[in-house]
């Protein structure tokens, strides 16, 4: 079975730059990230800094060069779109998978445009997610339901995660 077809344990919403005290990715920083991913029993994470996609690509490069791809790093970013925030994941085939992050925060609106997923669980903002409404939206728009940590500290990485294949993300991506 190819890795793209395997079900992987992935936390698809993390902020490792903030989690490491706003320090540039170094071998030491990436080791902390990799160690936490492995300690949680995950196969990988998406690094989704606010507006900055470069951090995730730098961490991915270090993992490939110095950690023999022990874990999967998917670069991405979190962006403000109209009245909500979306996460963009830059997948290995060059496509982009987008999902609505912590729906209902910062405002209680649900604009579903050009997204393929929606968070139903979010470790940082779980208190305001209307799970019933999110399920309805997912069914109505064919969205993938996601559970992510939204980690802002290393220890939070992997508190929530998804069991999904890269193939499924790629199939839904644009």
Foldseek 3Di string as FASTA:
>chain_A
DDQLPAFFWEFEAEALCLQVVNDQDDLVSLVLLVVLCVVLVGQEYEHAAAVDQVRQVVSQVCCVPPVVSSHDYWTWYWYDDDPFIKIWTQAPVRFIAIETELACPPHNDDDDDQHQAYELAEQVNNPRRPNVVRVVVCVVPVHHYFHHHNYSHSNSHNPGTGGGGNNVRVVRTD
